[in-house]
Amino acid sequence: MKKILLLVTILMSSLLASDISTYLKANIQTQDEVEKSLKKVGFDVIGSYNAMQNPDYRVIVYTSAQLKQLSAKDNRAFSAVQKVMISKKDNSLFLTNPEYYLKAMLQDDINDGLARQVSNRLNSAFTLTNGDYSMEDSELSGFHFMFGMPYYEDMLEVGSGDNLNSKLKQNATNNIVFELKVANATLYGISMNDTNGEKDYVGILKEEKSSAFLPYMVMVKDNKAMILHPKYYLALSLPKLTMGEFMNIMETPAHIEDYFINLFE
């Protein structure tokens, strides 16, 4: 009898499991149109830039009162922003899916009601369809690429001490895409325009249309600067890539870490 009940439980879990798209897709708009659409439903646009130094991929970063409220708990600031990429190459918009990234980054701290408000507002601003990448709902909150790989909480410390915000602003200069205060932390988006930066590793992976996760972000809090581990964030943002494909950028995680360490020296 116990075996039968276990089998029924497994079958029900399988039937109830659902995939959540990493990115959402919409008809192309100009940057002005995208920003007006976001603002009309209560989002705040806080930055934009040419991802991978390519004007064919323009990323717009936005937030809202709900996103900041959801992300106010300790070490959750990375979920305070979402992004829209205008891809002239694909004649489409690609948007980070709030449901996907909020579940992954907020985990047990998620407030389903507030998260639903964010998704509903986005759905009212654009006519959306699911993108190519997705992950099973039940896997998101505890995501890691495979055994031995980092989880969300395995962040990397890239700076410590006083005046971290000032150091970053001095060293990153025009590469700061956005700055956002989230509770007692400050979140920055940084354009990595160096030789081994986003243009290099996204190009090697041939994942330009899936690069709405850019720019890479750093959180400054309590005299420490932290980034999401690249082996976590890149795998989360490109969940269908194989180990073999990631091996093509095996040096990228170290390059990303070194890049941010240099910004705080």
Protein backbone atom coordinates (compact mmCIF):
# COMPACT_ATOMS: atom_id res chain seq x y z
CA MET A 1 0.00 0.00 0.00
CA LYS A 2 2.84 2.39 0.88
CA LYS A 3 4.47 1.71 -2.48
CA ILE A 4 1.21 2.50 -4.27
CA LEU A 5 0.84 5.78 -2.35
CA LEU A 6 4.45 6.71 -3.15
CA LEU A 7 3.88 5.99 -6.83
CA VAL A 8 0.72 8.11 -6.86
CA THR A 9 2.60 10.97 -5.16
CA ILE A 10 5.40 10.82 -7.72
CA LEU A 11 2.93 10.73 -10.61
CA MET A 12 0.95 13.67 -9.22
CA SER A 13 4.13 15.68 -8.71
CA SER A 14 5.13 14.99 -12.29
CA LEU A 15 1.72 16.04 -13.59
CA LEU A 16 1.72 19.22 -11.52
CA ALA A 17 5.29 20.19 -12.50
CA SER A 18 5.45 23.09 -14.90
CA ASP A 19 8.20 24.78 -16.83
CA ILE A 20 8.83 28.50 -16.40
CA SER A 21 10.42 30.37 -19.28
CA THR A 22 13.69 32.15 -18.59
CA TYR A 23 12.85 34.85 -21.12
CA LEU A 24 9.66 36.20 -22.62
CA LYS A 25 9.34 37.44 -26.18
CA ALA A 26 7.36 40.32 -27.69
CA ASN A 27 7.12 42.28 -30.92
CA ILE A 28 9.94 44.75 -31.39
CA GLN A 29 9.53 48.34 -30.22
CA THR A 30 11.85 51.32 -30.13
CA GLN A 31 13.56 52.18 -26.86
CA ASP A 32 11.21 55.12 -26.39
CA GLU A 33 8.18 52.86 -26.92
CA VAL A 34 9.50 50.23 -24.49
CA GLU A 35 10.15 52.81 -21.80
CA LYS A 36 6.70 54.36 -22.26
CA SER A 37 5.09 50.90 -22.05
CA LEU A 38 6.96 50.13 -18.82
CA LYS A 39 6.23 53.49 -17.21
CA LYS A 40 2.56 53.30 -18.15
CA VAL A 41 2.08 50.25 -15.89
CA GLY A 42 4.12 51.58 -12.98
CA PHE A 43 7.69 50.47 -13.66
CA ASP A 44 10.69 52.78 -13.25
CA VAL A 45 13.37 52.70 -15.95
CA ILE A 46 16.78 53.12 -14.30
CA GLY A 47 19.30 52.49 -17.08
CA SER A 48 20.08 51.25 -20.56
CA TYR A 49 23.10 50.33 -22.65
CA ASN A 50 24.33 48.46 -25.73
CA ALA A 51 24.98 44.92 -24.51
CA MET A 52 28.19 43.40 -25.83
CA GLN A 53 29.08 46.86 -27.20
CA ASN A 54 26.64 46.13 -30.02
CA PRO A 55 23.86 48.65 -30.83
CA ASP A 56 21.80 45.78 -32.25
CA TYR A 57 21.23 44.58 -28.65
CA ARG A 58 19.96 47.39 -26.46
CA VAL A 59 19.13 46.44 -22.85
CA ILE A 60 16.75 48.51 -20.74
CA VAL A 61 16.75 47.98 -16.95
CA TYR A 62 13.68 48.65 -14.81
CA THR A 63 12.44 48.26 -11.27
CA SER A 64 9.30 48.96 -9.23
CA ALA A 65 8.13 49.43 -5.69
CA GLN A 66 7.09 45.76 -5.61
CA LEU A 67 10.46 44.54 -6.87
CA LYS A 68 12.32 46.62 -4.29
CA GLN A 69 10.00 45.45 -1.52
CA LEU A 70 10.50 41.81 -2.54
CA SER A 71 14.27 42.29 -2.57
CA ALA A 72 14.65 44.18 0.69
CA LYS A 73 15.69 41.14 2.74
CA ASP A 74 19.31 40.24 3.37
CA ASN A 75 21.31 39.43 0.21
CA ARG A 76 18.26 39.57 -2.09
CA ALA A 77 19.04 42.87 -3.85
CA PHE A 78 19.93 41.11 -7.12
CA SER A 79 16.24 40.43 -7.76
CA ALA A 80 15.27 44.12 -7.56
CA VAL A 81 15.65 44.70 -11.30
CA GLN A 82 14.36 43.12 -14.48
CA LYS A 83 15.46 43.76 -18.05
CA VAL A 84 14.17 44.15 -21.59
CA MET A 85 16.47 43.66 -24.59
CA ILE A 86 15.66 45.19 -27.96
CA SER A 87 17.18 42.82 -30.52
CA LYS A 88 17.35 44.42 -33.95
CA LYS A 89 19.01 41.23 -35.22
CA ASP A 90 15.96 39.14 -34.27
CA ASN A 91 13.39 41.91 -34.78
CA SER A 92 12.03 41.14 -31.31
CA LEU A 93 12.02 42.09 -27.67
CA PHE A 94 13.43 39.59 -25.18
CA LEU A 95 12.50 40.14 -21.54
CA THR A 96 13.76 38.49 -18.38
CA ASN A 97 10.80 36.63 -16.90
CA PRO A 98 10.16 38.04 -13.40
CA GLU A 99 8.55 34.79 -12.25
CA TYR A 100 11.68 32.84 -13.21
CA TYR A 101 14.30 35.12 -11.67
CA LEU A 102 12.28 35.97 -8.56
CA LYS A 103 11.73 32.29 -7.75
CA ALA A 104 15.42 31.55 -8.27
CA MET A 105 16.80 34.49 -6.29
CA LEU A 106 14.22 35.00 -3.54
CA GLN A 107 13.67 31.31 -2.78
CA ASP A 108 11.77 30.98 0.53
CA ASP A 109 11.61 34.77 0.88
CA ILE A 110 9.31 35.15 -2.11
CA ASN A 111 5.96 36.85 -1.60
CA ASP A 112 3.76 35.26 -4.24
CA GLY A 113 1.23 38.10 -4.18
CA LEU A 114 3.80 40.82 -4.86
CA ALA A 115 5.59 38.68 -7.44
CA ARG A 116 2.28 38.14 -9.23
CA GLN A 117 1.73 41.90 -9.32
CA VAL A 118 5.04 42.35 -11.14
CA SER A 119 4.20 39.66 -13.70
CA ASN A 120 0.67 40.97 -14.22
CA ARG A 121 1.94 44.48 -14.88
CA LEU A 122 4.46 43.20 -17.41
CA ASN A 123 1.79 41.15 -19.15
CA SER A 124 -0.42 44.22 -19.43
CA ALA A 125 2.42 46.24 -20.98
CA PHE A 126 3.40 43.76 -23.71
CA THR A 127 1.92 40.87 -25.68
CA LEU A 128 4.22 38.13 -24.45
CA THR A 129 5.10 34.61 -25.56
CA ASN A 130 7.53 32.16 -23.98
CA GLY A 131 11.14 32.11 -25.10
CA ASP A 132 13.35 29.14 -25.94
CA TYR A 133 14.79 28.54 -22.45
CA SER A 134 12.89 27.29 -19.42
CA MET A 135 13.27 25.36 -16.19
CA GLU A 136 10.94 23.30 -14.06
CA ASP A 137 9.30 25.37 -11.36
CA SER A 138 10.41 23.02 -8.57
CA GLU A 139 14.09 23.33 -9.56
CA LEU A 140 14.40 27.09 -9.51
CA SER A 141 14.68 27.99 -5.83
CA GLY A 142 17.48 25.52 -5.21
CA PHE A 143 19.09 25.74 -8.62
CA HIS A 144 22.67 24.75 -9.25
CA PHE A 145 24.07 23.49 -12.53
CA MET A 146 25.20 20.13 -11.18
CA PHE A 147 26.78 18.49 -8.16
CA GLY A 148 29.60 20.60 -6.75
CA MET A 149 28.51 23.77 -8.55
CA PRO A 150 27.51 26.95 -6.65
CA TYR A 151 24.04 27.94 -5.51
CA TYR A 152 22.56 31.44 -5.34
CA GLU A 153 23.95 32.00 -1.86
CA ASP A 154 27.51 31.10 -2.91
CA MET A 155 28.31 34.68 -3.85
CA LEU A 156 31.84 35.90 -4.44
CA GLU A 157 33.32 38.74 -2.42
CA VAL A 158 35.08 41.10 -4.84
CA GLY A 159 35.77 43.98 -2.49
CA SER A 160 35.83 44.94 1.17
CA GLY A 161 36.50 47.96 3.32
CA ASP A 162 35.40 51.58 3.35
CA ASN A 163 34.35 53.78 0.42
CA LEU A 164 33.43 50.89 -1.89
CA ASN A 165 30.79 52.93 -3.69
CA SER A 166 33.28 55.71 -4.36
CA LYS A 167 35.92 53.28 -5.59
CA LEU A 168 33.46 51.64 -7.95
CA LYS A 169 32.29 54.95 -9.39
CA GLN A 170 35.87 56.09 -9.86
CA ASN A 171 37.07 52.87 -11.52
CA ALA A 172 34.00 51.89 -13.53
CA THR A 173 33.41 55.44 -14.84
CA ASN A 174 31.13 55.18 -17.91
CA ASN A 175 30.56 51.43 -17.51
CA ILE A 176 27.96 51.86 -14.76
CA VAL A 177 24.61 51.11 -16.41
CA PHE A 178 22.47 51.64 -13.31
CA GLU A 179 22.66 52.27 -9.58
CA LEU A 180 19.78 51.30 -7.29
CA LYS A 181 19.39 51.55 -3.53
CA VAL A 182 17.65 48.45 -2.14
CA ALA A 183 17.10 48.60 1.64
CA ASN A 184 20.62 48.75 3.13
CA ALA A 185 22.37 47.63 -0.05
CA THR A 186 23.25 49.32 -3.34
CA LEU A 187 22.97 47.34 -6.56
CA TYR A 188 24.95 48.27 -9.66
CA GLY A 189 24.84 47.00 -13.22
CA ILE A 190 28.22 47.12 -14.92
CA SER A 191 29.00 46.90 -18.62
CA MET A 192 31.98 44.55 -18.96
CA ASN A 193 33.71 46.01 -22.01
CA ASP A 194 37.14 44.49 -21.49
CA THR A 195 38.82 41.94 -23.77
CA ASN A 196 37.37 38.91 -21.94
CA GLY A 197 34.04 40.53 -21.13
CA GLU A 198 30.47 40.00 -22.24
CA LYS A 199 31.13 40.49 -25.95
CA ASP A 200 33.69 37.68 -25.80
CA TYR A 201 31.88 35.02 -23.80
CA VAL A 202 28.40 35.64 -25.21
CA GLY A 203 29.88 35.53 -28.70
CA ILE A 204 31.65 32.22 -28.04
CA LEU A 205 28.37 30.72 -26.80
CA LYS A 206 26.44 32.32 -29.70
CA GLU A 207 23.76 33.37 -27.20
CA GLU A 208 23.28 37.01 -28.16
CA LYS A 209 19.49 36.78 -28.26
CA SER A 210 19.51 35.24 -24.75
CA SER A 211 21.63 37.99 -23.20
CA ALA A 212 18.84 40.01 -21.57
CA PHE A 213 20.40 38.92 -18.26
CA LEU A 214 23.12 41.51 -18.83
CA PRO A 215 24.61 43.74 -17.50
CA TYR A 216 26.41 41.78 -14.78
CA MET A 217 25.56 43.09 -11.33
CA VAL A 218 27.39 43.79 -8.09
CA MET A 219 25.88 44.43 -4.66
CA VAL A 220 27.60 46.73 -2.15
CA LYS A 221 26.51 46.19 1.45
CA ASP A 222 28.08 46.36 4.92
CA ASN A 223 31.55 47.26 3.58
CA LYS A 224 31.53 44.31 1.19
CA ALA A 225 31.00 44.03 -2.56
CA MET A 226 29.45 40.78 -3.76
CA ILE A 227 28.63 39.29 -7.16
CA LEU A 228 26.59 36.22 -7.99
CA HIS A 229 28.96 33.37 -8.76
CA PRO A 230 29.32 33.28 -12.57
CA LYS A 231 28.95 29.50 -12.56
CA TYR A 232 25.54 30.06 -10.98
CA TYR A 233 24.32 33.16 -12.81
CA LEU A 234 25.37 32.14 -16.32
CA ALA A 235 23.93 28.65 -15.89
CA LEU A 236 20.68 30.07 -14.49
CA SER A 237 20.40 32.51 -17.38
CA LEU A 238 21.29 29.93 -20.06
CA PRO A 239 19.77 26.76 -18.57
CA LYS A 240 19.78 24.53 -21.63
CA LEU A 241 23.48 24.79 -22.37
CA THR A 242 25.48 21.63 -21.78
CA MET A 243 28.64 21.17 -19.77
CA GLY A 244 30.48 20.83 -23.08
CA GLU A 245 29.19 24.22 -24.23
CA PHE A 246 30.12 25.86 -20.93
CA MET A 247 33.59 24.34 -21.21
CA ASN A 248 34.11 26.68 -24.17
CA ILE A 249 34.12 29.57 -21.68
CA MET A 250 35.78 27.75 -18.80
CA GLU A 251 38.00 30.76 -18.04
CA THR A 252 35.11 33.25 -18.05
CA PRO A 253 34.07 32.88 -14.36
CA ALA A 254 37.60 33.79 -13.25
CA HIS A 255 37.71 36.70 -15.71
CA ILE A 256 34.42 38.06 -14.35
CA GLU A 257 35.62 37.77 -10.75
CA ASP A 258 38.95 39.46 -11.56
CA TYR A 259 37.20 42.23 -13.47
CA PHE A 260 35.08 43.15 -10.45
CA ILE A 261 37.95 42.80 -7.98
CA ASN A 262 39.86 45.39 -10.02
CA LEU A 263 36.94 47.81 -9.77
CA PHE A 264 37.32 47.96 -5.98
CA GLU A 265 41.08 48.33 -5.71
